[in-house]
Amino acid sequence: MERKMEPAPPEKILQAFKILDPENKGYLTKESFGKLMMEEGEPFTQEEMDEMWPVAIDPISGHIPYEFYLNQLMVYL
């Protein structure tokens, strides 16, 4: 049986997003976030990324507004 990790608290996730946004723009680009998610730590597969993009990306700007995305994640957890 596969053990699932406990999800990180929202405050910790927000803190991580802010570290990735040193200019404090409030968003990450799809390119930079995708590269990070597929190359660092336990990398996501392309299939996992394709599943995540519709929820993460703002269709108007094409960016990932991380506070909004974090709120979406909390709904699913």
PDB file of N, CA and C in Angstrom:
ATOM      1  N   MET A   1       0.845  -1.182   0.000  1.00  0.00           N
ATOM      2  CA  MET A   1       0.000   0.000   0.000  1.00  0.00           C
ATOM      3  C   MET A   1       0.889   1.242   0.000  1.00  0.00           C
ATOM      4  N   GLU A   2       0.562   2.187  -0.846  1.00  0.00           N
ATOM      5  CA  GLU A   2       1.345   3.410  -0.976  1.00  0.00           C
ATOM      6  C   GLU A   2       1.005   4.378   0.147  1.00  0.00           C
ATOM      7  N   ARG A   3       2.052   4.914   0.788  1.00  0.00           N
ATOM      8  CA  ARG A   3       1.834   5.913   1.841  1.00  0.00           C
ATOM      9  C   ARG A   3       1.775   7.290   1.216  1.00  0.00           C
ATOM     10  N   LYS A   4       0.779   8.030   1.577  1.00  0.00           N
ATOM     11  CA  LYS A   4       0.654   9.397   1.085  1.00  0.00           C
ATOM     12  C   LYS A   4       1.251  10.346   2.104  1.00  0.00           C
ATOM     13  N   MET A   5       1.909  11.362   1.591  1.00  0.00           N
ATOM     14  CA  MET A   5       2.465  12.381   2.472  1.00  0.00           C
ATOM     15  C   MET A   5       1.353  13.321   2.902  1.00  0.00           C
ATOM     16  N   GLU A   6       1.481  13.843   4.096  1.00  0.00           N
ATOM     17  CA  GLU A   6       0.548  14.868   4.562  1.00  0.00           C
ATOM     18  C   GLU A   6       0.774  16.126   3.728  1.00  0.00           C
ATOM     19  N   PRO A   7      -0.290  16.784   3.284  1.00  0.00           N
ATOM     20  CA  PRO A   7      -0.102  18.030   2.541  1.00  0.00           C
ATOM     21  C   PRO A   7       0.506  19.105   3.441  1.00  0.00           C
ATOM     22  N   ALA A   8       1.332  19.929   2.839  1.00  0.00           N
ATOM     23  CA  ALA A   8       1.932  21.038   3.581  1.00  0.00           C
ATOM     24  C   ALA A   8       0.845  22.056   3.908  1.00  0.00           C
ATOM     25  N   PRO A   9       0.989  22.761   5.036  1.00  0.00           N
ATOM     26  CA  PRO A   9       0.001  23.798   5.363  1.00  0.00           C
ATOM     27  C   PRO A   9       0.042  24.919   4.311  1.00  0.00           C
ATOM     28  N   PRO A  10      -1.105  25.539   4.041  1.00  0.00           N
ATOM     29  CA  PRO A  10      -1.171  26.593   3.021  1.00  0.00           C
ATOM     30  C   PRO A  10      -0.140  27.700   3.227  1.00  0.00           C
ATOM     31  N   GLU A  11       0.125  28.060   4.482  1.00  0.00           N
ATOM     32  CA  GLU A  11       1.087  29.135   4.756  1.00  0.00           C
ATOM     33  C   GLU A  11       2.479  28.755   4.252  1.00  0.00           C
ATOM     34  N   LYS A  12       2.836  27.500   4.402  1.00  0.00           N
ATOM     35  CA  LYS A  12       4.147  27.016   3.970  1.00  0.00           C
ATOM     36  C   LYS A  12       4.241  27.006   2.439  1.00  0.00           C
ATOM     37  N   ILE A  13       3.157  26.612   1.786  1.00  0.00           N
ATOM     38  CA  ILE A  13       3.127  26.609   0.322  1.00  0.00           C
ATOM     39  C   ILE A  13       3.221  28.037  -0.205  1.00  0.00           C
ATOM     40  N   LEU A  14       2.479  28.956   0.407  1.00  0.00           N
ATOM     41  CA  LEU A  14       2.530  30.357  -0.010  1.00  0.00           C
ATOM     42  C   LEU A  14       3.935  30.918   0.170  1.00  0.00           C
ATOM     43  N   GLN A  15       4.567  30.588   1.272  1.00  0.00           N
ATOM     44  CA  GLN A  15       5.938  31.036   1.524  1.00  0.00           C
ATOM     45  C   GLN A  15       6.875  30.525   0.420  1.00  0.00           C
ATOM     46  N   ALA A  16       6.702  29.278   0.005  1.00  0.00           N
ATOM     47  CA  ALA A  16       7.532  28.705  -1.067  1.00  0.00           C
ATOM     48  C   ALA A  16       7.299  29.445  -2.383  1.00  0.00           C
ATOM     49  N   PHE A  17       6.038  29.741  -2.712  1.00  0.00           N
ATOM     50  CA  PHE A  17       5.748  30.491  -3.931  1.00  0.00           C
ATOM     51  C   PHE A  17       6.410  31.867  -3.878  1.00  0.00           C
ATOM     52  N   LYS A  18       6.352  32.521  -2.740  1.00  0.00           N
ATOM     53  CA  LYS A  18       6.937  33.862  -2.615  1.00  0.00           C
ATOM     54  C   LYS A  18       8.451  33.830  -2.774  1.00  0.00           C
ATOM     55  N   ILE A  19       9.085  32.749  -2.342  1.00  0.00           N
ATOM     56  CA  ILE A  19      10.534  32.613  -2.541  1.00  0.00           C
ATOM     57  C   ILE A  19      10.840  32.521  -4.033  1.00  0.00           C
ATOM     58  N   LEU A  20       9.962  31.874  -4.783  1.00  0.00           N
ATOM     59  CA  LEU A  20      10.147  31.734  -6.228  1.00  0.00           C
ATOM     60  C   LEU A  20       9.784  33.008  -6.985  1.00  0.00           C
ATOM     61  N   ASP A  21       9.268  33.995  -6.287  1.00  0.00           N
ATOM     62  CA  ASP A  21       8.836  35.271  -6.877  1.00  0.00           C
ATOM     63  C   ASP A  21       9.561  36.427  -6.187  1.00  0.00           C
ATOM     64  N   PRO A  22      10.891  36.544  -6.385  1.00  0.00           N
ATOM     65  CA  PRO A  22      11.651  37.572  -5.666  1.00  0.00           C
ATOM     66  C   PRO A  22      11.234  39.006  -6.007  1.00  0.00           C
ATOM     67  N   GLU A  23      10.615  39.203  -7.175  1.00  0.00           N
ATOM     68  CA  GLU A  23      10.164  40.546  -7.559  1.00  0.00           C
ATOM     69  C   GLU A  23       8.764  40.849  -7.022  1.00  0.00           C
ATOM     70  N   ASN A  24       8.180  39.882  -6.299  1.00  0.00           N
ATOM     71  CA  ASN A  24       6.871  40.056  -5.666  1.00  0.00           C
ATOM     72  C   ASN A  24       5.784  40.485  -6.662  1.00  0.00           C
ATOM     73  N   LYS A  25       5.741  39.803  -7.807  1.00  0.00           N
ATOM     74  CA  LYS A  25       4.744  40.103  -8.832  1.00  0.00           C
ATOM     75  C   LYS A  25       3.384  39.472  -8.521  1.00  0.00           C
ATOM     76  N   GLY A  26       3.408  38.415  -7.686  1.00  0.00           N
ATOM     77  CA  GLY A  26       2.165  37.728  -7.358  1.00  0.00           C
ATOM     78  C   GLY A  26       1.847  36.580  -8.302  1.00  0.00           C
ATOM     79  N   TYR A  27       2.754  36.320  -9.229  1.00  0.00           N
ATOM     80  CA  TYR A  27       2.545  35.211 -10.154  1.00  0.00           C
ATOM     81  C   TYR A  27       3.884  34.614 -10.571  1.00  0.00           C
ATOM     82  N   LEU A  28       3.801  33.415 -11.128  1.00  0.00           N
ATOM     83  CA  LEU A  28       4.955  32.746 -11.722  1.00  0.00           C
ATOM     84  C   LEU A  28       4.617  32.498 -13.181  1.00  0.00           C
ATOM     85  N   THR A  29       5.635  32.423 -14.030  1.00  0.00           N
ATOM     86  CA  THR A  29       5.370  32.100 -15.429  1.00  0.00           C
ATOM     87  C   THR A  29       5.203  30.594 -15.579  1.00  0.00           C
ATOM     88  N   LYS A  30       4.461  30.207 -16.577  1.00  0.00           N
ATOM     89  CA  LYS A  30       4.254  28.782 -16.852  1.00  0.00           C
ATOM     90  C   LYS A  30       5.600  28.112 -17.109  1.00  0.00           C
ATOM     91  N   GLU A  31       6.462  28.796 -17.852  1.00  0.00           N
ATOM     92  CA  GLU A  31       7.755  28.224 -18.209  1.00  0.00           C
ATOM     93  C   GLU A  31       8.620  27.968 -16.979  1.00  0.00           C
ATOM     94  N   SER A  32       8.753  28.966 -16.117  1.00  0.00           N
ATOM     95  CA  SER A  32       9.633  28.803 -14.952  1.00  0.00           C
ATOM     96  C   SER A  32       9.061  27.791 -13.962  1.00  0.00           C
ATOM     97  N   PHE A  33       7.755  27.833 -13.740  1.00  0.00           N
ATOM     98  CA  PHE A  33       7.135  26.905 -12.804  1.00  0.00           C
ATOM     99  C   PHE A  33       7.175  25.476 -13.355  1.00  0.00           C
ATOM    100  N   GLY A  34       6.896  25.335 -14.646  1.00  0.00           N
ATOM    101  CA  GLY A  34       6.928  24.015 -15.274  1.00  0.00           C
ATOM    102  C   GLY A  34       8.312  23.393 -15.214  1.00  0.00           C
ATOM    103  N   LYS A  35       9.331  24.196 -15.493  1.00  0.00           N
ATOM    104  CA  LYS A  35      10.714  23.708 -15.439  1.00  0.00           C
ATOM    105  C   LYS A  35      11.051  23.242 -14.029  1.00  0.00           C
ATOM    106  N   LEU A  36      10.693  24.028 -13.055  1.00  0.00           N
ATOM    107  CA  LEU A  36      10.954  23.684 -11.658  1.00  0.00           C
ATOM    108  C   LEU A  36      10.241  22.388 -11.266  1.00  0.00           C
ATOM    109  N   MET A  37       8.974  22.274 -11.617  1.00  0.00           N
ATOM    110  CA  MET A  37       8.177  21.111 -11.219  1.00  0.00           C
ATOM    111  C   MET A  37       8.628  19.818 -11.905  1.00  0.00           C
ATOM    112  N   MET A  38       9.222  19.952 -13.096  1.00  0.00           N
ATOM    113  CA  MET A  38       9.631  18.753 -13.830  1.00  0.00           C
ATOM    114  C   MET A  38      11.098  18.384 -13.626  1.00  0.00           C
ATOM    115  N   GLU A  39      11.870  19.288 -13.006  1.00  0.00           N
ATOM    116  CA  GLU A  39      13.303  19.016 -12.875  1.00  0.00           C
ATOM    117  C   GLU A  39      13.811  18.957 -11.443  1.00  0.00           C
ATOM    118  N   GLU A  40      13.071  19.454 -10.489  1.00  0.00           N
ATOM    119  CA  GLU A  40      13.553  19.513  -9.105  1.00  0.00           C
ATOM    120  C   GLU A  40      12.783  18.544  -8.208  1.00  0.00           C
ATOM    121  N   GLY A  41      13.421  18.148  -7.123  1.00  0.00           N
ATOM    122  CA  GLY A  41      12.766  17.286  -6.134  1.00  0.00           C
ATOM    123  C   GLY A  41      12.272  15.992  -6.747  1.00  0.00           C
ATOM    124  N   GLU A  42      11.033  15.644  -6.460  1.00  0.00           N
ATOM    125  CA  GLU A  42      10.407  14.477  -7.081  1.00  0.00           C
ATOM    126  C   GLU A  42       9.646  14.998  -8.297  1.00  0.00           C
ATOM    127  N   PRO A  43      10.265  14.920  -9.477  1.00  0.00           N
ATOM    128  CA  PRO A  43       9.707  15.582 -10.666  1.00  0.00           C
ATOM    129  C   PRO A  43       8.316  15.093 -11.048  1.00  0.00           C
ATOM    130  N   PHE A  44       7.509  16.034 -11.507  1.00  0.00           N
ATOM    131  CA  PHE A  44       6.199  15.714 -12.054  1.00  0.00           C
ATOM    132  C   PHE A  44       6.394  15.165 -13.462  1.00  0.00           C
ATOM    133  N   THR A  45       5.472  14.328 -13.902  1.00  0.00           N
ATOM    134  CA  THR A  45       5.481  13.848 -15.283  1.00  0.00           C
ATOM    135  C   THR A  45       4.763  14.882 -16.151  1.00  0.00           C
ATOM    136  N   GLN A  46       4.923  14.760 -17.465  1.00  0.00           N
ATOM    137  CA  GLN A  46       4.215  15.660 -18.368  1.00  0.00           C
ATOM    138  C   GLN A  46       2.708  15.489 -18.201  1.00  0.00           C
ATOM    139  N   GLU A  47       2.275  14.262 -17.972  1.00  0.00           N
ATOM    140  CA  GLU A  47       0.845  13.993 -17.764  1.00  0.00           C
ATOM    141  C   GLU A  47       0.327  14.738 -16.529  1.00  0.00           C
ATOM    142  N   GLU A  48       1.103  14.721 -15.449  1.00  0.00           N
ATOM    143  CA  GLU A  48       0.700  15.431 -14.228  1.00  0.00           C
ATOM    144  C   GLU A  48       0.652  16.938 -14.471  1.00  0.00           C
ATOM    145  N   MET A  49       1.611  17.445 -15.248  1.00  0.00           N
ATOM    146  CA  MET A  49       1.623  18.880 -15.550  1.00  0.00           C
ATOM    147  C   MET A  49       0.401  19.250 -16.396  1.00  0.00           C
ATOM    148  N   ASP A  50       0.107  18.417 -17.392  1.00  0.00           N
ATOM    149  CA  ASP A  50      -1.050  18.685 -18.255  1.00  0.00           C
ATOM    150  C   ASP A  50      -2.351  18.701 -17.455  1.00  0.00           C
ATOM    151  N   GLU A  51      -2.416  17.896 -16.417  1.00  0.00           N
ATOM    152  CA  GLU A  51      -3.593  17.862 -15.549  1.00  0.00           C
ATOM    153  C   GLU A  51      -3.659  19.108 -14.657  1.00  0.00           C
ATOM    154  N   MET A  52      -2.507  19.622 -14.276  1.00  0.00           N
ATOM    155  CA  MET A  52      -2.441  20.761 -13.362  1.00  0.00           C
ATOM    156  C   MET A  52      -2.685  22.101 -14.062  1.00  0.00           C
ATOM    157  N   TRP A  53      -2.212  22.251 -15.298  1.00  0.00           N
ATOM    158  CA  TRP A  53      -2.264  23.555 -15.970  1.00  0.00           C
ATOM    159  C   TRP A  53      -3.640  24.209 -16.005  1.00  0.00           C
ATOM    160  N   PRO A  54      -4.714  23.501 -16.348  1.00  0.00           N
ATOM    161  CA  PRO A  54      -6.014  24.183 -16.412  1.00  0.00           C
ATOM    162  C   PRO A  54      -6.440  24.834 -15.096  1.00  0.00           C
ATOM    163  N   VAL A  55      -6.010  24.279 -13.986  1.00  0.00           N
ATOM    164  CA  VAL A  55      -6.360  24.841 -12.678  1.00  0.00           C
ATOM    165  C   VAL A  55      -5.399  25.961 -12.304  1.00  0.00           C
ATOM    166  N   ALA A  56      -4.133  25.824 -12.685  1.00  0.00           N
ATOM    167  CA  ALA A  56      -3.095  26.749 -12.226  1.00  0.00           C
ATOM    168  C   ALA A  56      -2.994  28.029 -13.047  1.00  0.00           C
ATOM    169  N   ILE A  57      -3.205  27.933 -14.345  1.00  0.00           N
ATOM    170  CA  ILE A  57      -2.920  29.060 -15.238  1.00  0.00           C
ATOM    171  C   ILE A  57      -4.137  29.951 -15.433  1.00  0.00           C
ATOM    172  N   ASP A  58      -3.915  31.248 -15.286  1.00  0.00           N
ATOM    173  CA  ASP A  58      -4.945  32.239 -15.579  1.00  0.00           C
ATOM    174  C   ASP A  58      -5.081  32.309 -17.101  1.00  0.00           C
ATOM    175  N   PRO A  59      -6.267  32.042 -17.655  1.00  0.00           N
ATOM    176  CA  PRO A  59      -6.416  32.001 -19.109  1.00  0.00           C
ATOM    177  C   PRO A  59      -6.191  33.347 -19.795  1.00  0.00           C
ATOM    178  N   ILE A  60      -6.327  34.426 -19.077  1.00  0.00           N
ATOM    179  CA  ILE A  60      -6.144  35.744 -19.687  1.00  0.00           C
ATOM    180  C   ILE A  60      -4.667  36.126 -19.750  1.00  0.00           C
ATOM    181  N   SER A  61      -3.961  36.010 -18.622  1.00  0.00           N
ATOM    182  CA  SER A  61      -2.557  36.429 -18.583  1.00  0.00           C
ATOM    183  C   SER A  61      -1.595  35.320 -19.000  1.00  0.00           C
ATOM    184  N   GLY A  62      -2.015  34.060 -18.836  1.00  0.00           N
ATOM    185  CA  GLY A  62      -1.119  32.944 -19.125  1.00  0.00           C
ATOM    186  C   GLY A  62      -0.135  32.675 -18.000  1.00  0.00           C
ATOM    187  N   HIS A  63      -0.272  33.395 -16.891  1.00  0.00           N
ATOM    188  CA  HIS A  63       0.608  33.220 -15.734  1.00  0.00           C
ATOM    189  C   HIS A  63      -0.093  32.387 -14.657  1.00  0.00           C
ATOM    190  N   ILE A  64       0.676  32.047 -13.635  1.00  0.00           N
ATOM    191  CA  ILE A  64       0.138  31.307 -12.499  1.00  0.00           C
ATOM    192  C   ILE A  64       0.058  32.257 -11.307  1.00  0.00           C
ATOM    193  N   PRO A  65      -1.118  32.848 -11.050  1.00  0.00           N
ATOM    194  CA  PRO A  65      -1.280  33.701  -9.873  1.00  0.00           C
ATOM    195  C   PRO A  65      -1.336  32.793  -8.642  1.00  0.00           C
ATOM    196  N   TYR A  66      -0.220  32.721  -7.931  1.00  0.00           N
ATOM    197  CA  TYR A  66      -0.084  31.646  -6.944  1.00  0.00           C
ATOM    198  C   TYR A  66      -1.026  31.723  -5.756  1.00  0.00           C
ATOM    199  N   GLU A  67      -1.466  32.882  -5.342  1.00  0.00           N
ATOM    200  CA  GLU A  67      -2.429  32.915  -4.224  1.00  0.00           C
ATOM    201  C   GLU A  67      -3.772  32.332  -4.666  1.00  0.00           C
ATOM    202  N   PHE A  68      -4.185  32.645  -5.884  1.00  0.00           N
ATOM    203  CA  PHE A  68      -5.420  32.072  -6.425  1.00  0.00           C
ATOM    204  C   PHE A  68      -5.261  30.562  -6.592  1.00  0.00           C
ATOM    205  N   TYR A  69      -4.127  30.145  -7.147  1.00  0.00           N
ATOM    206  CA  TYR A  69      -3.871  28.717  -7.352  1.00  0.00           C
ATOM    207  C   TYR A  69      -3.861  27.971  -6.019  1.00  0.00           C
ATOM    208  N   LEU A  70      -3.249  28.565  -5.016  1.00  0.00           N
ATOM    209  CA  LEU A  70      -3.212  27.944  -3.688  1.00  0.00           C
ATOM    210  C   LEU A  70      -4.635  27.755  -3.150  1.00  0.00           C
ATOM    211  N   ASN A  71      -5.483  28.750  -3.341  1.00  0.00           N
ATOM    212  CA  ASN A  71      -6.886  28.619  -2.915  1.00  0.00           C
ATOM    213  C   ASN A  71      -7.579  27.471  -3.652  1.00  0.00           C
ATOM    214  N   GLN A  72      -7.278  27.315  -4.936  1.00  0.00           N
ATOM    215  CA  GLN A  72      -7.844  26.206  -5.706  1.00  0.00           C
ATOM    216  C   GLN A  72      -7.356  24.867  -5.157  1.00  0.00           C
ATOM    217  N   LEU A  73      -6.077  24.790  -4.809  1.00  0.00           N
ATOM    218  CA  LEU A  73      -5.526  23.555  -4.238  1.00  0.00           C
ATOM    219  C   LEU A  73      -6.222  23.188  -2.934  1.00  0.00           C
ATOM    220  N   MET A  74      -6.481  24.175  -2.102  1.00  0.00           N
ATOM    221  CA  MET A  74      -7.105  23.912  -0.809  1.00  0.00           C
ATOM    222  C   MET A  74      -8.515  23.349  -0.971  1.00  0.00           C
ATOM    223  N   VAL A  75      -9.208  23.728  -2.038  1.00  0.00           N
ATOM    224  CA  VAL A  75     -10.542  23.197  -2.312  1.00  0.00           C
ATOM    225  C   VAL A  75     -10.453  21.700  -2.597  1.00  0.00           C
ATOM    226  N   TYR A  76      -9.405  21.293  -3.318  1.00  0.00           N
ATOM    227  CA  TYR A  76      -9.248  19.879  -3.686  1.00  0.00           C
ATOM    228  C   TYR A  76      -8.714  19.028  -2.553  1.00  0.00           C
ATOM    229  N   LEU A  77      -8.058  19.630  -1.578  1.00  0.00           N
ATOM    230  CA  LEU A  77      -7.518  18.857  -0.456  1.00  0.00           C
ATOM    231  C   LEU A  77      -8.586  18.750   0.578  1.00  0.00           C
TER     232      LEU A  77
END
